[in-house]
C-alpha atoms as a PDB file:
ATOM      1  CA  UNK A   1      -0.732   1.475  16.854  1.00  0.00           C
ATOM      2  CA  UNK A   2      -1.490   4.270  15.033  1.00  0.00           C
ATOM      3  CA  UNK A   3       1.211   3.725  11.854  1.00  0.00           C
ATOM      4  CA  UNK A   4       0.203   0.685  11.445  1.00  0.00           C
ATOM      5  CA  UNK A   5      -3.598   0.799  11.051  1.00  0.00           C
ATOM      6  CA  UNK A   6      -3.002   4.186   9.489  1.00  0.00           C
ATOM      7  CA  UNK A   7      -0.628   1.558   7.273  1.00  0.00           C
ATOM      8  CA  UNK A   8      -2.954  -1.195   7.028  1.00  0.00           C
ATOM      9  CA  UNK A   9      -5.628   1.789   5.989  1.00  0.00           C
ATOM     10  CA  UNK A  10      -3.565   3.278   3.117  1.00  0.00           C
ATOM     11  CA  UNK A  11      -2.986  -0.929   1.823  1.00  0.00           C
ATOM     12  CA  UNK A  12      -6.896  -1.448   2.311  1.00  0.00           C
ATOM     13  CA  UNK A  13      -7.336   1.795   0.190  1.00  0.00           C
ATOM     14  CA  UNK A  14      -5.269   1.276  -2.567  1.00  0.00           C
ATOM     15  CA  UNK A  15      -6.503  -1.890  -3.264  1.00  0.00           C
ATOM     16  CA  UNK A  16      -9.830  -1.023  -2.797  1.00  0.00           C
ATOM     17  CA  UNK A  17      -9.454   1.568  -5.726  1.00  0.00           C
ATOM     18  CA  UNK A  18      -7.474  -1.146  -7.802  1.00  0.00           C
ATOM     19  CA  UNK A  19     -10.201  -3.746  -8.021  1.00  0.00           C
ATOM     20  CA  UNK A  20     -12.931  -1.258  -8.503  1.00  0.00           C
ATOM     21  CA  UNK A  21     -11.552   0.059 -11.489  1.00  0.00           C
ATOM     22  CA  UNK A  22     -10.399  -2.846 -12.828  1.00  0.00           C
ATOM     23  CA  UNK A  23     -13.971  -4.122 -12.484  1.00  0.00           C
ATOM     24  CA  UNK A  24     -15.644  -1.146 -13.628  1.00  0.00           C
ATOM     25  CA  UNK A  25     -13.572  -2.012 -16.713  1.00  0.00           C
ATOM     26  CA  UNK A  26     -14.468  -5.431 -17.061  1.00  0.00           C
ATOM     27  CA  UNK A  27     -18.415  -4.527 -17.188  1.00  0.00           C
ATOM     28  CA  UNK A  28     -18.267  -3.259 -20.418  1.00  0.00           C
ATOM     29  CA  UNK A  29     -17.150  -5.075 -23.068  1.00  0.00           C
ATOM     30  CA  UNK A  30     -16.601  -2.838 -26.376  1.00  0.00           C
ATOM     31  CA  UNK A  31     -12.967  -1.556 -26.146  1.00  0.00           C
ATOM     32  CA  UNK A  32     -14.271   2.487 -26.414  1.00  0.00           C
ATOM     33  CA  UNK A  33     -16.855   2.271 -23.984  1.00  0.00           C
ATOM     34  CA  UNK A  34     -14.107   1.268 -22.311  1.00  0.00           C
ATOM     35  CA  UNK A  35     -11.862   4.132 -22.018  1.00  0.00           C
ATOM     36  CA  UNK A  36     -15.371   6.189 -21.173  1.00  0.00           C
ATOM     37  CA  UNK A  37     -16.441   3.256 -18.969  1.00  0.00           C
ATOM     38  CA  UNK A  38     -13.643   4.176 -17.085  1.00  0.00           C
ATOM     39  CA  UNK A  39     -12.800   7.588 -17.173  1.00  0.00           C
ATOM     40  CA  UNK A  40     -16.313   8.427 -15.219  1.00  0.00           C
ATOM     41  CA  UNK A  41     -16.298   6.228 -12.975  1.00  0.00           C
ATOM     42  CA  UNK A  42     -13.199   7.880 -11.834  1.00  0.00           C
ATOM     43  CA  UNK A  43     -14.519  11.024 -12.138  1.00  0.00           C
ATOM     44  CA  UNK A  44     -17.260  10.755 -10.370  1.00  0.00           C
ATOM     45  CA  UNK A  45     -14.958   8.518  -7.456  1.00  0.00           C
ATOM     46  CA  UNK A  46     -13.250  11.136  -6.990  1.00  0.00           C
ATOM     47  CA  UNK A  47     -15.430  14.568  -7.015  1.00  0.00           C
ATOM     48  CA  UNK A  48     -17.066  12.181  -4.269  1.00  0.00           C
ATOM     49  CA  UNK A  49     -13.744  12.117  -2.395  1.00  0.00           C
ATOM     50  CA  UNK A  50     -13.122  15.674  -2.408  1.00  0.00           C
ATOM     51  CA  UNK A  51     -16.383  16.449  -1.256  1.00  0.00           C
ATOM     52  CA  UNK A  52     -16.972  14.817   1.469  1.00  0.00           C
ATOM     53  CA  UNK A  53     -12.527  16.222   2.943  1.00  0.00           C
ATOM     54  CA  UNK A  54     -14.053  18.865   1.803  1.00  0.00           C
ATOM     55  CA  UNK A  55     -17.663  18.532   3.961  1.00  0.00           C
ATOM     56  CA  UNK A  56     -15.864  16.538   7.110  1.00  0.00           C
ATOM     57  CA  UNK A  57     -12.617  19.845   6.697  1.00  0.00           C
ATOM     58  CA  UNK A  58     -15.661  22.436   7.321  1.00  0.00           C
ATOM     59  CA  UNK A  59     -17.191  20.962  10.051  1.00  0.00           C
ATOM     60  CA  UNK A  60     -13.990  20.155  11.465  1.00  0.00           C
ATOM     61  CA  UNK A  61     -12.743  23.780  11.608  1.00  0.00           C
ATOM     62  CA  UNK A  62     -16.260  24.917  12.138  1.00  0.00           C
ATOM     63  CA  UNK A  63     -16.493  22.453  15.544  1.00  0.00           C
ATOM     64  CA  UNK A  64     -13.478  20.120  16.621  1.00  0.00           C
ATOM     65  CA  UNK A  65     -12.065  17.130  15.205  1.00  0.00           C
ATOM     66  CA  UNK A  66     -13.594  15.145  17.743  1.00  0.00           C
ATOM     67  CA  UNK A  67     -17.516  16.308  16.879  1.00  0.00           C
ATOM     68  CA  UNK A  68     -17.032  16.067  13.580  1.00  0.00           C
ATOM     69  CA  UNK A  69     -15.316  12.538  13.929  1.00  0.00           C
ATOM     70  CA  UNK A  70     -18.876  11.917  16.606  1.00  0.00           C
ATOM     71  CA  UNK A  71     -21.098  13.234  13.543  1.00  0.00           C
ATOM     72  CA  UNK A  72     -19.490  11.092  10.823  1.00  0.00           C
ATOM     73  CA  UNK A  73     -19.305   8.145  13.073  1.00  0.00           C
ATOM     74  CA  UNK A  74     -23.029   8.567  13.006  1.00  0.00           C
ATOM     75  CA  UNK A  75     -24.150   9.326   9.944  1.00  0.00           C
ATOM     76  CA  UNK A  76     -22.151   5.799   8.506  1.00  0.00           C
ATOM     77  CA  UNK A  77     -24.222   4.046  11.222  1.00  0.00           C
ATOM     78  CA  UNK A  78     -27.784   5.734   9.676  1.00  0.00           C
ATOM     79  CA  UNK A  79     -26.338   5.373   6.067  1.00  0.00           C
ATOM     80  CA  UNK A  80     -25.738   1.598   7.149  1.00  0.00           C
ATOM     81  CA  UNK A  81     -28.732   0.709   9.143  1.00  0.00           C
ATOM     82  CA  UNK A  82     -31.256   2.440   6.222  1.00  0.00           C
ATOM     83  CA  UNK A  83     -29.411   0.296   3.584  1.00  0.00           C
ATOM     84  CA  UNK A  84     -30.226  -2.584   5.852  1.00  0.00           C
ATOM     85  CA  UNK A  85     -33.393  -1.913   6.313  1.00  0.00           C
ATOM     86  CA  UNK A  86     -34.054  -1.258   2.158  1.00  0.00           C
ATOM     87  CA  UNK A  87     -32.382  -4.947   1.488  1.00  0.00           C
ATOM     88  CA  UNK A  88     -35.300  -7.123   3.306  1.00  0.00           C
END
């Protein structure tokens, strides 16, 4: 069951990254700006992903994996509530 869930998560991640790349390319009309914008987008995207991985890995190393998952889910909940309240 866990392997199936990880497979679906991986497929979703690839689809999401592809759709974000495609949508960022359609925002700018000039062709020379499309490549620059895609490069900047991918740099920021992968920097954020690697920074999150290092942060979570460090937290898991200092505590336990269970505590790191609880902290990350709590922060995700706080960010979601903030975004929801800010939208209104």
